[in-house]
Amino acid sequence: MNKLILFLEEKVSPVAQKIGGQRHMLAVRKGIISTLPLTLVGSFFVIFLNFPIPSIAEKLAPYLPILDIPYRFTVGILALYATFGIATSLAKSYKLDTLTAGIVAVMSFIVTSIKPVRLFEEVAKTTVQTEVVPVGRYLNIANLGAQSLFGAIVTAIISVEIYRFMKEKNITIKMPEGVPPEVSNSFVALMPAATNLILFWVIRHMLGFDINATLSNLLMPLQSFLAGNSLFGGLVTVFLICFFWILGIHGPAIMGPVIRPFWETSIAENMDAFANNTPATQMPNIFTEMFLQWFVWIGGAGATLALVCLFLRSKSAYLKELGKIGFLPGLFNINEPIIFGAPIVMNPTLAIPFVLSPLVMTVIAYIATITHLIPMTVSRTVFTVPSPIGAMMVTNWHIIAAILVVVNFFVSLVIYYPFFKVFEKQQLISEEGE
């Protein structure tokens, strides 16, 4: 075991840290996370679109088209907002003008998202409008949603890299000294903006290559595996996040650039299906981020709220004090005090239940979902909501979801208990020696 820990510390940890700190990976993570306020707000309107109380739902029915607008222009065009966030984050790391970089990236993404046809068939079907819509005057907002998120990532990175390259090679228009910075920056970005526009215009409309659709089709199997309905894929995700935490590395920070685009797409697909009156038990995806957040990460990654409760009744003065410190944050799913205070990091005794407990809880929640004991997740909320309440909120206020959280908590308590007793004994010996 000591050799394994030494190997992980010397070989695996530095590589993981390097990957997590890579410039483009950081930009993707920050850019997507920046859209979180919008998706949270949009989630509330999804609930209104499918209110669980029939009498209130009947009264809301005449207003559904209006209530749908906030959802469509938050979650519905998530990729557009992510493009700006990723581009500005990457530009900041290069010390470029972030506002200009973000605007240029958004322009590039929109150019790739325009449908190059002369007639909008959907409009013709749903309205009395029959005139031909010229090319470039129709933008389907469905193309700006989460399904185009990977296209947004690629477009944002390419546009910023073009901007950086042309500025470094002085392929820009320089203004005389004394010109206000905002004006000067605009002219510096003129050539990069033109280059981006022409490049993506040629790719999409001259060559007919759809970046968004191609990337979505290529990555769809991976999304289905990690953030779809595959139990094995869900277990792999849970294991890797816990594994990196054991190394002392923020698990979601490492996995975020890889898994978060899939998570965002999966929950957006569920929210869209639910907004279109699909039953909550028939959503496209089980393993959304919200599924893991509320049914697995009870108290934080590793389901450590159970361990905190065990610490509270410990004979060890240190563990008991740590339990008091970690209890309130744990209720709100913040567990860094426990991960680094116990510590769980590089601790073979606590590392085993830290990984095992979430894996077992994932299987239990998966079985409860496929048997329709609980609905799938149809909205999202902030991670600091206490787990039973959060679980109800994201499953359209289903009471059994809250009960499942309680069941999983006691499962984790049982799994942690024998390892806690071993660790407590070690701690007591250490305290007696002191």
Protein backbone atom coordinates (compact mmCIF):
# COMPACT_ATOMS: atom_id res chain seq x y z
CA MET A 1 0.00 0.00 0.00
CA ASN A 2 2.84 2.40 0.82
CA LYS A 3 4.45 1.66 -2.55
CA LEU A 4 1.15 2.37 -4.30
CA ILE A 5 0.73 5.68 -2.49
CA LEU A 6 4.32 6.63 -3.30
CA PHE A 7 3.75 5.80 -6.98
CA LEU A 8 0.55 7.84 -7.10
CA GLU A 9 2.19 10.76 -5.35
CA GLU A 10 5.32 10.80 -7.53
CA LYS A 11 3.97 9.74 -10.94
CA VAL A 12 0.22 10.23 -11.21
CA SER A 13 -0.34 13.37 -9.15
CA PRO A 14 2.07 15.65 -11.10
CA VAL A 15 0.55 14.56 -14.43
CA ALA A 16 -2.98 15.16 -13.19
CA GLN A 17 -1.99 18.58 -11.82
CA LYS A 18 -0.41 19.50 -15.14
CA ILE A 19 -3.48 18.47 -17.11
CA GLY A 20 -5.81 20.32 -14.76
CA GLY A 21 -3.73 23.50 -15.00
CA GLN A 22 -3.37 23.46 -18.78
CA ARG A 23 -4.34 26.83 -20.24
CA HIS A 24 -7.06 25.65 -22.62
CA MET A 25 -8.53 23.17 -20.13
CA LEU A 26 -8.80 25.92 -17.53
CA ALA A 27 -10.47 28.24 -20.03
CA VAL A 28 -13.04 25.59 -20.94
CA ARG A 29 -13.81 24.90 -17.30
CA LYS A 30 -14.11 28.57 -16.34
CA GLY A 31 -16.11 29.42 -19.43
CA ILE A 32 -18.69 26.71 -18.90
CA ILE A 33 -18.97 27.37 -15.18
CA SER A 34 -19.65 31.03 -15.98
CA THR A 35 -22.95 29.96 -17.56
CA LEU A 36 -24.14 28.37 -14.31
CA PRO A 37 -26.28 31.34 -13.13
CA LEU A 38 -28.23 31.26 -16.38
CA THR A 39 -28.88 27.53 -16.28
CA LEU A 40 -29.98 27.76 -12.66
CA VAL A 41 -32.48 30.50 -13.48
CA GLY A 42 -33.69 28.57 -16.52
CA SER A 43 -34.24 25.51 -14.34
CA PHE A 44 -36.82 27.29 -12.21
CA PHE A 45 -38.91 28.03 -15.30
CA VAL A 46 -38.76 24.39 -16.35
CA ILE A 47 -40.58 23.60 -13.10
CA PHE A 48 -43.23 26.21 -13.90
CA LEU A 49 -43.67 24.67 -17.36
CA ASN A 50 -44.47 21.32 -15.72
CA PHE A 51 -45.81 22.25 -12.30
CA PRO A 52 -46.36 19.14 -10.15
CA ILE A 53 -49.67 20.35 -8.61
CA PRO A 54 -52.48 19.86 -11.19
CA SER A 55 -54.68 22.74 -9.98
CA ILE A 56 -51.81 25.24 -10.27
CA ALA A 57 -50.63 23.70 -13.56
CA GLU A 58 -54.10 24.28 -15.00
CA LYS A 59 -53.97 27.96 -14.06
CA LEU A 60 -50.49 28.32 -15.58
CA ALA A 61 -51.49 26.65 -18.86
CA PRO A 62 -52.49 29.86 -20.73
CA TYR A 63 -49.13 31.41 -19.86
CA LEU A 64 -46.88 28.51 -20.95
CA PRO A 65 -45.66 30.21 -24.17
CA ILE A 66 -44.54 33.20 -22.11
CA LEU A 67 -43.03 31.05 -19.34
CA ASP A 68 -41.08 29.15 -22.00
CA ILE A 69 -39.14 32.25 -23.09
CA PRO A 70 -36.78 32.49 -20.07
CA TYR A 71 -35.86 28.82 -20.50
CA ARG A 72 -35.24 29.13 -24.26
CA PHE A 73 -32.96 32.12 -23.83
CA THR A 74 -30.94 30.69 -20.93
CA VAL A 75 -30.49 26.94 -21.23
CA GLY A 76 -31.76 27.01 -24.82
CA ILE A 77 -28.76 29.00 -26.08
CA LEU A 78 -26.21 27.75 -23.58
CA ALA A 79 -23.46 27.23 -26.18
CA LEU A 80 -23.61 30.88 -27.22
CA TYR A 81 -22.93 32.06 -23.67
CA ALA A 82 -20.25 29.41 -23.19
CA THR A 83 -18.44 30.62 -26.31
CA PHE A 84 -18.06 34.08 -24.81
CA GLY A 85 -17.00 32.71 -21.42
CA ILE A 86 -14.37 30.34 -22.83
CA ALA A 87 -12.95 32.94 -25.21
CA THR A 88 -12.65 35.65 -22.56
CA SER A 89 -11.03 33.21 -20.09
CA LEU A 90 -8.48 32.06 -22.66
CA ALA A 91 -7.79 35.63 -23.82
CA LYS A 92 -7.19 36.68 -20.22
CA SER A 93 -4.55 33.97 -19.84
CA TYR A 94 -2.80 35.39 -22.93
CA LYS A 95 -3.27 38.98 -21.67
CA LEU A 96 -5.33 39.89 -24.71
CA ASP A 97 -8.30 42.24 -24.71
CA THR A 98 -10.93 39.91 -23.24
CA LEU A 99 -14.02 41.79 -24.41
CA THR A 100 -12.88 41.91 -28.01
CA ALA A 101 -11.84 38.25 -27.97
CA GLY A 102 -15.23 37.24 -26.60
CA ILE A 103 -17.15 39.21 -29.21
CA VAL A 104 -15.05 37.83 -32.08
CA ALA A 105 -15.56 34.27 -30.81
CA VAL A 106 -19.33 34.76 -30.55
CA MET A 107 -19.40 36.09 -34.11
CA SER A 108 -17.45 33.04 -35.32
CA PHE A 109 -19.76 30.65 -33.52
CA ILE A 110 -22.90 32.29 -34.90
CA VAL A 111 -21.50 32.12 -38.45
CA THR A 112 -21.03 28.37 -38.03
CA SER A 113 -24.56 28.00 -36.63
CA ILE A 114 -26.53 29.66 -39.42
CA LYS A 115 -28.50 27.26 -41.58
CA PRO A 116 -27.41 27.74 -45.23
CA VAL A 117 -30.80 27.30 -46.92
CA ARG A 118 -33.24 29.64 -48.61
CA LEU A 119 -36.35 28.49 -46.84
CA PHE A 120 -37.15 27.99 -43.19
CA GLU A 121 -39.46 24.97 -43.41
CA GLU A 122 -40.47 25.11 -39.75
CA VAL A 123 -41.73 28.69 -40.05
CA ALA A 124 -43.74 27.75 -43.12
CA LYS A 125 -45.36 24.88 -41.21
CA THR A 126 -46.25 26.82 -38.08
CA THR A 127 -47.27 30.21 -39.46
CA VAL A 128 -48.96 31.74 -42.47
CA GLN A 129 -45.61 33.14 -43.61
CA THR A 130 -44.80 31.85 -47.10
CA GLU A 131 -42.13 34.18 -48.41
CA VAL A 132 -38.62 32.89 -48.99
CA VAL A 133 -36.13 33.71 -46.25
CA PRO A 134 -32.78 34.73 -47.76
CA VAL A 135 -29.61 32.95 -46.68
CA GLY A 136 -28.14 34.33 -43.46
CA ARG A 137 -31.38 35.83 -42.16
CA TYR A 138 -32.46 32.77 -40.22
CA LEU A 139 -30.81 31.56 -37.05
CA ASN A 140 -32.37 28.55 -35.37
CA ILE A 141 -31.75 28.99 -31.63
CA ALA A 142 -31.78 25.21 -31.27
CA ASN A 143 -28.34 25.30 -32.93
CA LEU A 144 -27.09 27.44 -30.04
CA GLY A 145 -28.07 24.98 -27.32
CA ALA A 146 -26.08 22.46 -25.34
CA GLN A 147 -25.84 20.05 -28.28
CA SER A 148 -23.47 22.56 -29.90
CA LEU A 149 -21.33 22.97 -26.79
CA PHE A 150 -18.32 21.16 -28.22
CA GLY A 151 -18.54 23.26 -31.36
CA ALA A 152 -18.58 26.32 -29.14
CA ILE A 153 -15.44 25.12 -27.33
CA VAL A 154 -13.53 24.52 -30.58
CA THR A 155 -14.72 27.77 -32.17
CA ALA A 156 -13.81 29.85 -29.10
CA ILE A 157 -10.32 28.35 -28.82
CA ILE A 158 -9.55 28.70 -32.54
CA SER A 159 -10.75 32.29 -32.70
CA VAL A 160 -8.65 33.34 -29.69
CA GLU A 161 -5.58 31.50 -31.01
CA ILE A 162 -5.93 33.33 -34.34
CA TYR A 163 -6.22 36.62 -32.44
CA ARG A 164 -3.11 35.79 -30.37
CA PHE A 165 -1.06 34.65 -33.37
CA MET A 166 -1.83 37.73 -35.46
CA LYS A 167 -1.09 40.07 -32.56
CA GLU A 168 2.24 38.35 -31.80
CA LYS A 169 3.21 38.55 -35.50
CA ASN A 170 2.08 42.20 -35.67
CA ILE A 171 -0.53 41.43 -38.32
CA THR A 172 -2.71 44.19 -36.94
CA ILE A 173 -3.59 47.81 -37.52
CA LYS A 174 -1.78 50.04 -35.03
CA MET A 175 -3.14 53.42 -34.07
CA PRO A 176 -0.98 56.43 -33.13
CA GLU A 177 -0.16 57.14 -29.49
CA GLY A 178 -2.79 59.13 -27.69
CA VAL A 179 -5.70 57.18 -29.16
CA PRO A 180 -7.98 55.88 -26.36
CA PRO A 181 -7.25 52.21 -25.47
CA GLU A 182 -10.76 51.02 -26.33
CA VAL A 183 -10.43 52.47 -29.83
CA SER A 184 -6.89 51.16 -30.25
CA ASN A 185 -7.91 47.65 -29.14
CA SER A 186 -10.74 47.64 -31.67
CA PHE A 187 -8.35 48.33 -34.53
CA VAL A 188 -5.86 45.76 -33.23
CA ALA A 189 -8.63 43.16 -33.43
CA LEU A 190 -9.81 44.25 -36.88
CA MET A 191 -7.59 41.86 -38.87
CA PRO A 192 -8.15 38.88 -36.50
CA ALA A 193 -11.89 39.50 -36.64
CA ALA A 194 -11.87 39.56 -40.44
CA THR A 195 -9.75 36.40 -40.56
CA ASN A 196 -12.08 34.56 -38.20
CA LEU A 197 -15.15 35.66 -40.12
CA ILE A 198 -13.78 34.55 -43.48
CA LEU A 199 -12.38 31.28 -42.12
CA PHE A 200 -15.58 30.08 -40.46
CA TRP A 201 -17.75 31.43 -43.30
CA VAL A 202 -15.75 29.43 -45.85
CA ILE A 203 -15.79 26.28 -43.70
CA ARG A 204 -19.52 26.38 -43.02
CA HIS A 205 -21.04 27.95 -46.11
CA MET A 206 -18.56 27.43 -48.93
CA LEU A 207 -17.37 23.95 -47.99
CA GLY A 208 -20.61 22.97 -46.24
CA PHE A 209 -18.84 21.54 -43.20
CA ASP A 210 -20.96 21.71 -40.03
CA ILE A 211 -18.50 21.86 -37.12
CA ASN A 212 -21.17 21.62 -34.43
CA ALA A 213 -22.98 18.62 -35.92
CA THR A 214 -19.76 16.78 -36.73
CA LEU A 215 -18.33 17.14 -33.22
CA SER A 216 -21.66 16.21 -31.63
CA ASN A 217 -21.88 13.05 -33.73
CA LEU A 218 -18.27 12.07 -33.00
CA LEU A 219 -18.60 12.62 -29.24
CA MET A 220 -22.12 11.28 -28.80
CA PRO A 221 -20.94 7.74 -27.87
CA LEU A 222 -18.69 9.20 -25.16
CA GLN A 223 -21.52 11.33 -23.82
CA SER A 224 -23.84 8.31 -23.76
CA PHE A 225 -21.18 6.42 -21.84
CA LEU A 226 -20.22 9.01 -19.21
CA ALA A 227 -23.38 11.09 -18.89
CA GLY A 228 -26.14 9.00 -20.44
CA ASN A 229 -27.66 5.79 -19.14
CA SER A 230 -24.63 3.52 -18.82
CA LEU A 231 -24.15 2.29 -15.26
CA PHE A 232 -20.53 1.43 -15.99
CA GLY A 233 -19.91 4.92 -17.38
CA GLY A 234 -21.47 6.49 -14.29
CA LEU A 235 -19.29 4.35 -12.04
CA VAL A 236 -16.17 5.32 -14.01
CA THR A 237 -17.01 9.01 -13.53
CA VAL A 238 -17.59 8.59 -9.79
CA PHE A 239 -14.42 6.55 -9.34
CA LEU A 240 -12.19 9.05 -11.17
CA ILE A 241 -13.51 12.06 -9.25
CA CYS A 242 -12.93 10.30 -5.91
CA PHE A 243 -9.56 8.97 -7.06
CA PHE A 244 -8.22 12.44 -7.81
CA TRP A 245 -9.47 13.75 -4.47
CA ILE A 246 -7.47 11.00 -2.72
CA LEU A 247 -4.38 12.34 -4.47
CA GLY A 248 -5.12 15.77 -3.02
CA ILE A 249 -6.36 17.10 -6.36
CA HIS A 250 -9.75 18.73 -6.81
CA GLY A 251 -11.59 15.90 -8.61
CA PRO A 252 -14.19 17.98 -10.47
CA ALA A 253 -11.47 20.46 -11.47
CA ILE A 254 -9.57 17.68 -13.25
CA MET A 255 -12.62 15.96 -14.69
CA GLY A 256 -14.48 19.20 -15.43
CA PRO A 257 -13.06 20.00 -18.88
CA VAL A 258 -13.77 16.42 -19.97
CA ILE A 259 -17.08 15.59 -18.31
CA ARG A 260 -18.75 18.97 -17.79
CA PRO A 261 -19.69 19.56 -21.45
CA PHE A 262 -21.37 16.14 -21.39
CA TRP A 263 -23.11 16.98 -18.11
CA GLU A 264 -24.37 20.28 -19.48
CA THR A 265 -25.65 18.60 -22.63
CA SER A 266 -27.34 15.81 -20.68
CA ILE A 267 -29.21 18.03 -18.23
CA ALA A 268 -30.17 20.42 -21.04
CA GLU A 269 -31.62 17.51 -23.03
CA ASN A 270 -33.61 16.41 -19.98
CA MET A 271 -34.84 19.92 -19.31
CA ASP A 272 -35.84 20.36 -22.94
CA ALA A 273 -37.71 17.04 -23.00
CA PHE A 274 -39.45 17.93 -19.73
CA ALA A 275 -40.37 21.37 -21.03
CA ASN A 276 -42.05 19.57 -23.95
CA ASN A 277 -44.23 17.54 -21.55
CA THR A 278 -42.23 14.29 -21.56
CA PRO A 279 -42.82 12.38 -18.29
CA ALA A 280 -39.99 12.78 -15.78
CA THR A 281 -39.46 9.00 -15.76
CA GLN A 282 -38.72 9.01 -19.51
CA MET A 283 -35.92 11.54 -19.75
CA PRO A 284 -33.03 10.90 -22.18
CA ASN A 285 -30.27 10.73 -19.54
CA ILE A 286 -29.85 9.28 -16.06
CA PHE A 287 -26.27 10.24 -15.16
CA THR A 288 -26.49 14.00 -15.15
CA GLU A 289 -24.42 16.08 -12.76
CA MET A 290 -27.55 16.60 -10.65
CA PHE A 291 -28.01 12.82 -10.28
CA LEU A 292 -24.54 12.51 -8.77
CA GLN A 293 -24.84 15.71 -6.76
CA TRP A 294 -28.00 14.75 -4.89
CA PHE A 295 -27.98 10.96 -4.70
CA VAL A 296 -24.23 10.29 -4.42
CA TRP A 297 -22.31 13.36 -3.20
CA ILE A 298 -24.21 13.60 0.10
CA GLY A 299 -22.06 16.00 2.09
CA GLY A 300 -19.67 16.45 -0.84
CA ALA A 301 -17.53 14.17 -2.99
CA GLY A 302 -17.04 10.81 -1.32
CA ALA A 303 -20.36 11.16 0.56
CA THR A 304 -18.48 12.37 3.63
CA LEU A 305 -21.46 13.62 5.65
CA ALA A 306 -21.71 10.10 7.12
CA LEU A 307 -18.06 10.28 8.16
CA VAL A 308 -18.65 13.69 9.76
CA CYS A 309 -21.50 12.24 11.83
CA LEU A 310 -19.24 9.39 12.95
CA PHE A 311 -16.57 11.90 13.91
CA LEU A 312 -19.09 13.73 16.11
CA ARG A 313 -19.38 10.64 18.34
CA SER A 314 -15.70 9.75 18.24
CA LYS A 315 -13.65 9.05 21.38
CA SER A 316 -10.80 10.94 19.74
CA ALA A 317 -10.75 14.59 20.83
CA TYR A 318 -9.34 15.66 17.47
CA LEU A 319 -11.88 13.75 15.37
CA LYS A 320 -14.75 14.96 17.52
CA GLU A 321 -13.64 18.56 17.14
CA LEU A 322 -13.17 18.05 13.40
CA GLY A 323 -16.71 16.65 13.21
CA LYS A 324 -18.06 19.80 14.86
CA ILE A 325 -16.14 21.98 12.42
CA GLY A 326 -17.18 19.96 9.38
CA PHE A 327 -20.84 19.32 10.20
CA LEU A 328 -22.39 22.61 9.09
CA PRO A 329 -20.37 22.84 5.83
CA GLY A 330 -21.17 19.16 5.24
CA LEU A 331 -24.90 19.83 5.41
CA PHE A 332 -24.36 22.19 2.50
CA ASN A 333 -22.14 19.72 0.62
CA ILE A 334 -18.82 21.41 1.36
CA ASN A 335 -16.28 18.87 2.60
CA GLU A 336 -12.79 20.29 2.10
CA PRO A 337 -12.39 20.61 5.92
CA ILE A 338 -12.83 16.83 6.18
CA ILE A 339 -10.88 15.84 3.07
CA PHE A 340 -7.84 17.84 4.14
CA GLY A 341 -8.45 17.89 7.88
CA ALA A 342 -8.85 14.18 8.67
CA PRO A 343 -7.13 13.83 6.19
CA ILE A 344 -8.65 11.60 3.55
CA VAL A 345 -5.93 12.65 1.11
CA MET A 346 -3.26 9.92 0.89
CA ASN A 347 -4.93 8.08 3.75
CA PRO A 348 -5.36 4.37 2.85
CA THR A 349 -7.77 3.74 5.73
CA LEU A 350 -10.32 6.37 4.75
CA ALA A 351 -9.59 6.31 1.01
CA ILE A 352 -11.28 2.91 0.60
CA PRO A 353 -14.75 3.95 1.89
CA PHE A 354 -14.30 7.36 0.22
CA VAL A 355 -14.37 5.51 -3.12
CA LEU A 356 -16.48 2.47 -2.23
CA SER A 357 -19.38 4.32 -0.62
CA PRO A 358 -20.20 6.53 -3.66
CA LEU A 359 -19.93 3.55 -6.00
CA VAL A 360 -22.49 1.57 -3.98
CA MET A 361 -24.78 4.61 -3.70
CA THR A 362 -24.57 5.13 -7.46
CA VAL A 363 -25.78 1.58 -8.07
CA ILE A 364 -28.66 1.99 -5.61
CA ALA A 365 -29.78 5.28 -7.16
CA TYR A 366 -29.46 3.81 -10.65
CA ILE A 367 -31.70 0.85 -9.73
CA ALA A 368 -34.24 3.22 -8.15
CA THR A 369 -34.27 5.25 -11.38
CA ILE A 370 -34.62 2.43 -13.92
CA THR A 371 -37.41 0.87 -11.83
CA HIS A 372 -39.19 4.27 -11.87
CA LEU A 373 -39.11 4.48 -8.10
CA ILE A 374 -37.77 7.99 -8.61
CA PRO A 375 -37.92 10.24 -11.70
CA MET A 376 -34.84 11.35 -13.60
CA THR A 377 -33.41 14.81 -13.01
CA VAL A 378 -35.28 17.51 -14.93
CA SER A 379 -33.77 20.72 -13.56
CA ARG A 380 -30.77 21.92 -11.62
CA THR A 381 -29.99 23.89 -8.51
CA VAL A 382 -26.92 25.09 -6.64
CA PHE A 383 -24.85 22.40 -4.93
CA THR A 384 -25.11 24.06 -1.50
CA VAL A 385 -28.77 23.09 -1.04
CA PRO A 386 -29.12 20.30 1.58
CA SER A 387 -29.34 16.98 -0.27
CA PRO A 388 -32.94 15.86 0.44
CA ILE A 389 -34.29 19.25 -0.63
CA GLY A 390 -32.01 19.40 -3.68
CA ALA A 391 -33.04 15.90 -4.74
CA MET A 392 -36.72 16.86 -4.59
CA MET A 393 -36.16 20.09 -6.51
CA VAL A 394 -34.40 18.45 -9.46
CA THR A 395 -36.93 15.59 -9.72
CA ASN A 396 -39.97 17.87 -9.92
CA TRP A 397 -40.53 17.74 -6.14
CA HIS A 398 -40.76 13.96 -5.87
CA ILE A 399 -40.85 12.92 -2.21
CA ILE A 400 -39.32 9.48 -2.86
CA ALA A 401 -36.16 11.23 -4.12
CA ALA A 402 -35.68 12.75 -0.66
CA ILE A 403 -36.27 9.36 0.95
CA LEU A 404 -33.64 7.80 -1.33
CA VAL A 405 -31.13 10.41 -0.15
CA VAL A 406 -31.77 9.34 3.45
CA VAL A 407 -31.40 5.66 2.50
CA ASN A 408 -28.12 6.34 0.71
CA PHE A 409 -26.88 8.33 3.67
CA PHE A 410 -27.36 5.34 5.98
CA VAL A 411 -25.73 3.06 3.41
CA SER A 412 -22.67 5.31 3.41
CA LEU A 413 -22.75 5.36 7.22
CA VAL A 414 -22.58 1.55 7.31
CA ILE A 415 -19.73 1.45 4.78
CA TYR A 416 -17.69 4.13 6.55
CA TYR A 417 -18.18 2.72 10.06
CA PRO A 418 -15.58 -0.12 10.18
CA PHE A 419 -12.93 2.05 8.49
CA PHE A 420 -13.76 4.89 10.86
CA LYS A 421 -13.20 2.59 13.86
CA VAL A 422 -9.78 1.57 12.52
CA PHE A 423 -8.85 5.19 11.89
CA GLU A 424 -10.18 6.25 15.30
CA LYS A 425 -8.03 3.61 17.00
CA GLN A 426 -4.97 4.89 15.14
CA GLN A 427 -5.81 8.44 16.18
CA LEU A 428 -6.31 7.49 19.84
CA ILE A 429 -2.92 5.77 19.94
CA SER A 430 -1.36 8.87 18.45
CA GLU A 431 -3.09 11.13 21.00
CA GLU A 432 -2.04 8.91 23.92
CA GLY A 433 1.54 8.99 22.69
CA GLU A 434 1.48 12.77 22.62
